[in-house]
């Protein structure tokens, strides 16, 4: 059932005719419990990561732009990050 959550994402990505593809991951997480570090560890090592904090520093928006080889790689990263408590996948 959990895998079905990203079925639409996989379908849209597979429609792309150009691989490898530069993909932008976007997540919002509470700024606590090491969430930012957990997410960073799951993102592609070759990606360019940027952070934007809310004014009260309670949440962090994390963006990572990376060249991905196929839809499965993108869905795998998104699924793993989505399992972290409190993370919003955009």
C-alpha atoms as a PDB file:
ATOM      1  CA  UNK A   1       0.000   0.000   0.000  1.00  0.00           C
ATOM      2  CA  UNK A   2       2.816   2.436   0.860  1.00  0.00           C
ATOM      3  CA  UNK A   3       4.331   1.935  -2.582  1.00  0.00           C
ATOM      4  CA  UNK A   4       1.036   3.022  -4.192  1.00  0.00           C
ATOM      5  CA  UNK A   5       1.448   6.410  -2.521  1.00  0.00           C
ATOM      6  CA  UNK A   6       4.116   7.274  -5.115  1.00  0.00           C
ATOM      7  CA  UNK A   7       2.531   5.505  -8.085  1.00  0.00           C
ATOM      8  CA  UNK A   8       1.450   8.792  -9.698  1.00  0.00           C
ATOM      9  CA  UNK A   9       4.920  10.280  -9.242  1.00  0.00           C
ATOM     10  CA  UNK A  10       6.521   7.234 -10.864  1.00  0.00           C
ATOM     11  CA  UNK A  11       4.024   7.380 -13.765  1.00  0.00           C
ATOM     12  CA  UNK A  12       4.686  11.083 -14.432  1.00  0.00           C
ATOM     13  CA  UNK A  13       8.440  10.581 -14.277  1.00  0.00           C
ATOM     14  CA  UNK A  14       8.341   7.621 -16.650  1.00  0.00           C
ATOM     15  CA  UNK A  15       6.595   9.806 -19.232  1.00  0.00           C
ATOM     16  CA  UNK A  16       9.797  11.817 -19.510  1.00  0.00           C
ATOM     17  CA  UNK A  17      11.708  10.870 -22.604  1.00  0.00           C
ATOM     18  CA  UNK A  18      15.004  12.339 -21.455  1.00  0.00           C
ATOM     19  CA  UNK A  19      17.147  10.373 -19.016  1.00  0.00           C
ATOM     20  CA  UNK A  20      19.270  11.123 -17.120  1.00  0.00           C
ATOM     21  CA  UNK A  21      17.101  13.915 -15.765  1.00  0.00           C
ATOM     22  CA  UNK A  22      17.893  16.860 -13.503  1.00  0.00           C
ATOM     23  CA  UNK A  23      15.335  16.549 -10.704  1.00  0.00           C
ATOM     24  CA  UNK A  24      14.463  18.901  -7.847  1.00  0.00           C
ATOM     25  CA  UNK A  25      13.579  17.273  -4.529  1.00  0.00           C
ATOM     26  CA  UNK A  26      11.705  19.516  -2.092  1.00  0.00           C
ATOM     27  CA  UNK A  27      10.869  18.745   1.517  1.00  0.00           C
ATOM     28  CA  UNK A  28       9.720  20.667   4.578  1.00  0.00           C
ATOM     29  CA  UNK A  29      10.634  19.348   7.999  1.00  0.00           C
ATOM     30  CA  UNK A  30      10.388  20.418  11.620  1.00  0.00           C
ATOM     31  CA  UNK A  31      13.782  21.727  12.728  1.00  0.00           C
ATOM     32  CA  UNK A  32      14.199  19.128  15.480  1.00  0.00           C
ATOM     33  CA  UNK A  33      15.314  15.589  16.302  1.00  0.00           C
ATOM     34  CA  UNK A  34      18.038  15.654  13.656  1.00  0.00           C
ATOM     35  CA  UNK A  35      15.496  15.628  10.814  1.00  0.00           C
ATOM     36  CA  UNK A  36      17.629  17.853   8.585  1.00  0.00           C
ATOM     37  CA  UNK A  37      20.654  15.578   8.989  1.00  0.00           C
ATOM     38  CA  UNK A  38      18.529  12.470   8.351  1.00  0.00           C
ATOM     39  CA  UNK A  39      17.172  13.947   5.126  1.00  0.00           C
ATOM     40  CA  UNK A  40      20.596  15.126   3.998  1.00  0.00           C
ATOM     41  CA  UNK A  41      21.956  11.592   4.461  1.00  0.00           C
ATOM     42  CA  UNK A  42      19.259  10.184   2.154  1.00  0.00           C
ATOM     43  CA  UNK A  43      19.704  12.702  -0.663  1.00  0.00           C
ATOM     44  CA  UNK A  44      22.025  12.025  -3.616  1.00  0.00           C
ATOM     45  CA  UNK A  45      25.640  12.848  -2.705  1.00  0.00           C
ATOM     46  CA  UNK A  46      26.157  14.640  -5.999  1.00  0.00           C
ATOM     47  CA  UNK A  47      23.141  16.918  -5.507  1.00  0.00           C
ATOM     48  CA  UNK A  48      23.221  20.635  -4.773  1.00  0.00           C
ATOM     49  CA  UNK A  49      21.392  21.172  -1.478  1.00  0.00           C
ATOM     50  CA  UNK A  50      19.952  24.436  -0.202  1.00  0.00           C
ATOM     51  CA  UNK A  51      18.066  25.262   2.984  1.00  0.00           C
ATOM     52  CA  UNK A  52      15.528  27.917   3.895  1.00  0.00           C
ATOM     53  CA  UNK A  53      14.336  28.367   7.485  1.00  0.00           C
ATOM     54  CA  UNK A  54      11.073  29.846   8.669  1.00  0.00           C
ATOM     55  CA  UNK A  55      11.446  33.137  10.545  1.00  0.00           C
ATOM     56  CA  UNK A  56      11.059  31.423  13.921  1.00  0.00           C
ATOM     57  CA  UNK A  57      13.416  28.561  12.860  1.00  0.00           C
ATOM     58  CA  UNK A  58      10.727  25.963  13.613  1.00  0.00           C
ATOM     59  CA  UNK A  59      10.802  24.445  10.113  1.00  0.00           C
ATOM     60  CA  UNK A  60      13.320  24.021   7.323  1.00  0.00           C
ATOM     61  CA  UNK A  61      12.642  23.767   3.601  1.00  0.00           C
ATOM     62  CA  UNK A  62      15.233  21.557   1.926  1.00  0.00           C
ATOM     63  CA  UNK A  63      15.807  21.596  -1.821  1.00  0.00           C
ATOM     64  CA  UNK A  64      18.172  19.267  -3.638  1.00  0.00           C
ATOM     65  CA  UNK A  65      18.836  19.373  -7.375  1.00  0.00           C
ATOM     66  CA  UNK A  66      20.514  16.248  -8.704  1.00  0.00           C
ATOM     67  CA  UNK A  67      20.919  14.358 -11.942  1.00  0.00           C
ATOM     68  CA  UNK A  68      18.981  11.127 -11.602  1.00  0.00           C
ATOM     69  CA  UNK A  69      19.265   8.114 -13.899  1.00  0.00           C
ATOM     70  CA  UNK A  70      15.649   6.875 -13.776  1.00  0.00           C
ATOM     71  CA  UNK A  71      12.251   7.217 -12.106  1.00  0.00           C
ATOM     72  CA  UNK A  72      12.967   4.416  -9.624  1.00  0.00           C
ATOM     73  CA  UNK A  73      15.905   6.342  -8.133  1.00  0.00           C
ATOM     74  CA  UNK A  74      13.722   9.402  -7.581  1.00  0.00           C
ATOM     75  CA  UNK A  75      10.867   7.443  -6.041  1.00  0.00           C
ATOM     76  CA  UNK A  76      13.275   5.536  -3.768  1.00  0.00           C
ATOM     77  CA  UNK A  77      14.723   8.753  -2.298  1.00  0.00           C
ATOM     78  CA  UNK A  78      11.270  10.319  -1.965  1.00  0.00           C
ATOM     79  CA  UNK A  79       9.864   7.234  -0.187  1.00  0.00           C
ATOM     80  CA  UNK A  80      12.744   7.059   2.294  1.00  0.00           C
ATOM     81  CA  UNK A  81      12.575  10.756   3.171  1.00  0.00           C
ATOM     82  CA  UNK A  82       8.769  10.580   3.390  1.00  0.00           C
ATOM     83  CA  UNK A  83       9.093   7.995   6.182  1.00  0.00           C
ATOM     84  CA  UNK A  84      10.752  10.507   8.512  1.00  0.00           C
ATOM     85  CA  UNK A  85       8.220  11.750  11.040  1.00  0.00           C
ATOM     86  CA  UNK A  86       6.876  15.224  10.327  1.00  0.00           C
ATOM     87  CA  UNK A  87       8.363  15.570   6.833  1.00  0.00           C
ATOM     88  CA  UNK A  88       6.212  17.044   4.086  1.00  0.00           C
ATOM     89  CA  UNK A  89       7.111  15.913   0.570  1.00  0.00           C
ATOM     90  CA  UNK A  90       6.474  18.564  -2.087  1.00  0.00           C
END
